[in-house]
PDB file of N, CA and C in Angstrom:
ATOM      1  N   MET A   1       1.021  -0.998  -0.078  1.00  0.00           N
ATOM      2  CA  MET A   1      -0.308   0.139  -0.111  1.00  0.00           C
ATOM      3  C   MET A   1       0.799   1.060  -0.042  1.00  0.00           C
ATOM      4  N   LYS A   2       0.633   2.168  -0.841  1.00  0.00           N
ATOM      5  CA  LYS A   2       1.434   3.250  -0.829  1.00  0.00           C
ATOM      6  C   LYS A   2       0.163   5.111  -0.786  1.00  0.00           C
ATOM      7  N   PHE A   3       0.904   5.547   0.054  1.00  0.00           N
ATOM      8  CA  PHE A   3      -0.032   6.729   0.522  1.00  0.00           C
ATOM      9  C   PHE A   3       0.838   7.998  -0.418  1.00  0.00           C
ATOM     10  N   SER A   4       0.258   9.002  -1.106  1.00  0.00           N
ATOM     11  CA  SER A   4       0.800   9.842  -1.815  1.00  0.00           C
ATOM     12  C   SER A   4       0.437  11.147  -1.048  1.00  0.00           C
ATOM     13  N   LYS A   5       0.642  12.122  -1.605  1.00  0.00           N
ATOM     14  CA  LYS A   5       0.555  13.621  -1.045  1.00  0.00           C
ATOM     15  C   LYS A   5      -0.891  13.886  -1.290  1.00  0.00           C
ATOM     16  N   MET A   6      -1.339  14.667  -0.306  1.00  0.00           N
ATOM     17  CA  MET A   6      -2.661  15.249  -0.363  1.00  0.00           C
ATOM     18  C   MET A   6      -2.968  16.339  -1.473  1.00  0.00           C
ATOM     19  N   GLU A   7      -4.340  16.291  -2.023  1.00  0.00           N
ATOM     20  CA  GLU A   7      -4.611  17.134  -2.931  1.00  0.00           C
ATOM     21  C   GLU A   7      -5.914  18.068  -2.791  1.00  0.00           C
ATOM     22  N   GLY A   8      -6.030  18.919  -3.508  1.00  0.00           N
ATOM     23  CA  GLY A   8      -7.249  19.969  -3.017  1.00  0.00           C
ATOM     24  C   GLY A   8      -6.760  20.824  -2.350  1.00  0.00           C
ATOM     25  N   THR A   9      -7.880  21.809  -1.962  1.00  0.00           N
ATOM     26  CA  THR A   9      -7.710  23.123  -0.877  1.00  0.00           C
ATOM     27  C   THR A   9      -8.671  22.662  -0.020  1.00  0.00           C
ATOM     28  N   GLY A  10      -8.434  23.200   1.214  1.00  0.00           N
ATOM     29  CA  GLY A  10      -9.487  23.400   2.629  1.00  0.00           C
ATOM     30  C   GLY A  10      -9.747  21.913   2.879  1.00  0.00           C
ATOM     31  N   MET A  11     -11.288  21.790   3.211  1.00  0.00           N
ATOM     32  CA  MET A  11     -11.708  20.867   4.017  1.00  0.00           C
ATOM     33  C   MET A  11     -11.829  19.623   2.368  1.00  0.00           C
ATOM     34  N   GLU A  12     -11.454  20.122   1.251  1.00  0.00           N
ATOM     35  CA  GLU A  12     -11.347  19.002   0.000  1.00  0.00           C
ATOM     36  C   GLU A  12     -10.313  18.414   0.204  1.00  0.00           C
ATOM     37  N   LYS A  13      -9.583  18.288   1.067  1.00  0.00           N
ATOM     38  CA  LYS A  13      -8.158  17.506   0.877  1.00  0.00           C
ATOM     39  C   LYS A  13      -8.197  15.929   0.801  1.00  0.00           C
ATOM     40  N   LYS A  14      -7.802  15.411  -0.007  1.00  0.00           N
ATOM     41  CA  LYS A  14      -8.135  13.961  -0.071  1.00  0.00           C
ATOM     42  C   LYS A  14      -6.682  13.077  -0.014  1.00  0.00           C
ATOM     43  N   THR A  15      -6.437  11.880   0.394  1.00  0.00           N
ATOM     44  CA  THR A  15      -5.412  11.349   0.873  1.00  0.00           C
ATOM     45  C   THR A  15      -5.616  10.176  -0.462  1.00  0.00           C
ATOM     46  N   ARG A  16      -4.606   9.944  -1.283  1.00  0.00           N
ATOM     47  CA  ARG A  16      -4.744   9.159  -2.725  1.00  0.00           C
ATOM     48  C   ARG A  16      -3.859   7.892  -2.319  1.00  0.00           C
ATOM     49  N   VAL A  17      -4.883   6.870  -2.635  1.00  0.00           N
ATOM     50  CA  VAL A  17      -4.293   5.537  -1.966  1.00  0.00           C
ATOM     51  C   VAL A  17      -4.147   4.242  -2.970  1.00  0.00           C
ATOM     52  N   ALA A  18      -3.024   4.125  -3.283  1.00  0.00           N
ATOM     53  CA  ALA A  18      -3.103   2.480  -4.038  1.00  0.00           C
ATOM     54  C   ALA A  18      -2.574   1.203  -3.292  1.00  0.00           C
ATOM     55  N   ILE A  19      -3.404   0.624  -3.892  1.00  0.00           N
ATOM     56  CA  ILE A  19      -3.348  -1.045  -3.468  1.00  0.00           C
ATOM     57  C   ILE A  19      -2.376  -1.817  -4.048  1.00  0.00           C
ATOM     58  N   ILE A  20      -1.583  -2.299  -3.691  1.00  0.00           N
ATOM     59  CA  ILE A  20      -0.626  -3.178  -4.593  1.00  0.00           C
ATOM     60  C   ILE A  20      -0.679  -4.891  -3.708  1.00  0.00           C
ATOM     61  N   GLY A  21      -1.311  -5.614  -4.504  1.00  0.00           N
ATOM     62  CA  GLY A  21      -1.917  -6.777  -3.894  1.00  0.00           C
ATOM     63  C   GLY A  21      -3.204  -6.848  -3.647  1.00  0.00           C
ATOM     64  N   TYR A  22      -4.070  -7.630  -3.738  1.00  0.00           N
ATOM     65  CA  TYR A  22      -5.683  -7.762  -3.427  1.00  0.00           C
ATOM     66  C   TYR A  22      -5.906  -9.178  -2.884  1.00  0.00           C
ATOM     67  N   GLY A  23      -5.415  -8.905  -1.925  1.00  0.00           N
ATOM     68  CA  GLY A  23      -5.353 -10.409  -0.966  1.00  0.00           C
ATOM     69  C   GLY A  23      -6.676 -10.032   0.373  1.00  0.00           C
ATOM     70  N   ASN A  24      -6.616 -10.377   1.467  1.00  0.00           N
ATOM     71  CA  ASN A  24      -7.620 -10.366   2.290  1.00  0.00           C
ATOM     72  C   ASN A  24      -7.582  -8.839   2.930  1.00  0.00           C
ATOM     73  N   VAL A  25      -5.914  -8.130   2.795  1.00  0.00           N
ATOM     74  CA  VAL A  25      -5.543  -7.191   3.578  1.00  0.00           C
ATOM     75  C   VAL A  25      -6.017  -5.861   2.485  1.00  0.00           C
ATOM     76  N   GLY A  26      -5.749  -5.980   1.363  1.00  0.00           N
ATOM     77  CA  GLY A  26      -6.439  -5.318   0.310  1.00  0.00           C
ATOM     78  C   GLY A  26      -7.677  -5.010   0.270  1.00  0.00           C
ATOM     79  N   LYS A  27      -8.376  -6.182   0.179  1.00  0.00           N
ATOM     80  CA  LYS A  27      -9.847  -5.872   0.621  1.00  0.00           C
ATOM     81  C   LYS A  27     -10.505  -5.273   1.381  1.00  0.00           C
ATOM     82  N   GLY A  28      -9.772  -5.488   2.607  1.00  0.00           N
ATOM     83  CA  GLY A  28     -10.036  -4.682   3.988  1.00  0.00           C
ATOM     84  C   GLY A  28      -9.853  -3.078   3.674  1.00  0.00           C
ATOM     85  N   VAL A  29      -8.820  -3.022   2.919  1.00  0.00           N
ATOM     86  CA  VAL A  29      -8.147  -1.390   2.812  1.00  0.00           C
ATOM     87  C   VAL A  29      -9.210  -0.772   2.309  1.00  0.00           C
ATOM     88  N   GLU A  30      -9.598  -1.593   0.810  1.00  0.00           N
ATOM     89  CA  GLU A  30     -10.608  -1.153   0.357  1.00  0.00           C
ATOM     90  C   GLU A  30     -12.062  -0.787   0.792  1.00  0.00           C
ATOM     91  N   LEU A  31     -12.296  -1.533   1.586  1.00  0.00           N
ATOM     92  CA  LEU A  31     -13.483  -1.483   2.377  1.00  0.00           C
ATOM     93  C   LEU A  31     -13.655   0.288   3.267  1.00  0.00           C
ATOM     94  N   ALA A  32     -12.424   0.125   3.956  1.00  0.00           N
ATOM     95  CA  ALA A  32     -11.829   0.891   4.932  1.00  0.00           C
ATOM     96  C   ALA A  32     -12.009   2.504   4.196  1.00  0.00           C
ATOM     97  N   ILE A  33     -11.255   2.332   2.970  1.00  0.00           N
ATOM     98  CA  ILE A  33     -11.227   3.797   1.927  1.00  0.00           C
ATOM     99  C   ILE A  33     -12.701   4.066   1.851  1.00  0.00           C
ATOM    100  N   GLU A  34     -13.651   3.378   1.283  1.00  0.00           N
ATOM    101  CA  GLU A  34     -14.936   3.528   1.170  1.00  0.00           C
ATOM    102  C   GLU A  34     -15.970   4.175   2.032  1.00  0.00           C
ATOM    103  N   GLN A  35     -15.023   4.011   3.242  1.00  0.00           N
ATOM    104  CA  GLN A  35     -15.765   4.669   4.683  1.00  0.00           C
ATOM    105  C   GLN A  35     -15.690   6.018   5.181  1.00  0.00           C
ATOM    106  N   ASN A  36     -14.032   6.299   4.641  1.00  0.00           N
ATOM    107  CA  ASN A  36     -13.969   7.878   4.941  1.00  0.00           C
ATOM    108  C   ASN A  36     -13.734   8.635   3.710  1.00  0.00           C
ATOM    109  N   PRO A  37     -14.675   9.451   3.741  1.00  0.00           N
ATOM    110  CA  PRO A  37     -14.720  10.180   2.386  1.00  0.00           C
ATOM    111  C   PRO A  37     -13.368  11.437   2.426  1.00  0.00           C
ATOM    112  N   ASP A  38     -12.564  11.421   3.446  1.00  0.00           N
ATOM    113  CA  ASP A  38     -11.162  12.096   3.081  1.00  0.00           C
ATOM    114  C   ASP A  38     -10.197  11.260   2.100  1.00  0.00           C
ATOM    115  N   MET A  39     -10.423   9.850   1.929  1.00  0.00           N
ATOM    116  CA  MET A  39      -9.519   9.238   1.247  1.00  0.00           C
ATOM    117  C   MET A  39     -10.041   8.607  -0.155  1.00  0.00           C
ATOM    118  N   GLU A  40      -9.275   8.663  -1.098  1.00  0.00           N
ATOM    119  CA  GLU A  40      -9.686   8.064  -2.446  1.00  0.00           C
ATOM    120  C   GLU A  40      -8.925   7.354  -2.833  1.00  0.00           C
ATOM    121  N   LEU A  41      -9.231   6.046  -3.408  1.00  0.00           N
ATOM    122  CA  LEU A  41      -8.742   4.721  -3.936  1.00  0.00           C
ATOM    123  C   LEU A  41      -8.116   4.940  -5.326  1.00  0.00           C
ATOM    124  N   LYS A  42      -7.203   5.030  -5.602  1.00  0.00           N
ATOM    125  CA  LYS A  42      -6.421   5.736  -7.240  1.00  0.00           C
ATOM    126  C   LYS A  42      -6.179   4.752  -7.909  1.00  0.00           C
ATOM    127  N   VAL A  43      -6.133   3.399  -7.573  1.00  0.00           N
ATOM    128  CA  VAL A  43      -5.179   2.427  -8.459  1.00  0.00           C
ATOM    129  C   VAL A  43      -5.217   0.775  -7.284  1.00  0.00           C
ATOM    130  N   ILE A  44      -5.507  -0.081  -8.046  1.00  0.00           N
ATOM    131  CA  ILE A  44      -5.158  -1.260  -7.488  1.00  0.00           C
ATOM    132  C   ILE A  44      -4.386  -2.195  -8.581  1.00  0.00           C
ATOM    133  N   PHE A  45      -3.158  -2.247  -8.022  1.00  0.00           N
ATOM    134  CA  PHE A  45      -2.398  -3.511  -9.019  1.00  0.00           C
ATOM    135  C   PHE A  45      -2.286  -4.797  -8.154  1.00  0.00           C
ATOM    136  N   THR A  46      -2.701  -5.772  -9.216  1.00  0.00           N
ATOM    137  CA  THR A  46      -2.928  -7.164  -8.605  1.00  0.00           C
ATOM    138  C   THR A  46      -1.723  -8.005  -9.239  1.00  0.00           C
TER     139      THR A  46
END
């Protein structure tokens, strides 16, 4: 999993996330991202 710079201004800032590998942990990370409006899933590498 890789975290990158925040983008946007003010309250719009989101943390962009890439998932490398999509096993049990990757699925859990995807669910966590869906529940956090300040995070954005950019890509999944399998």
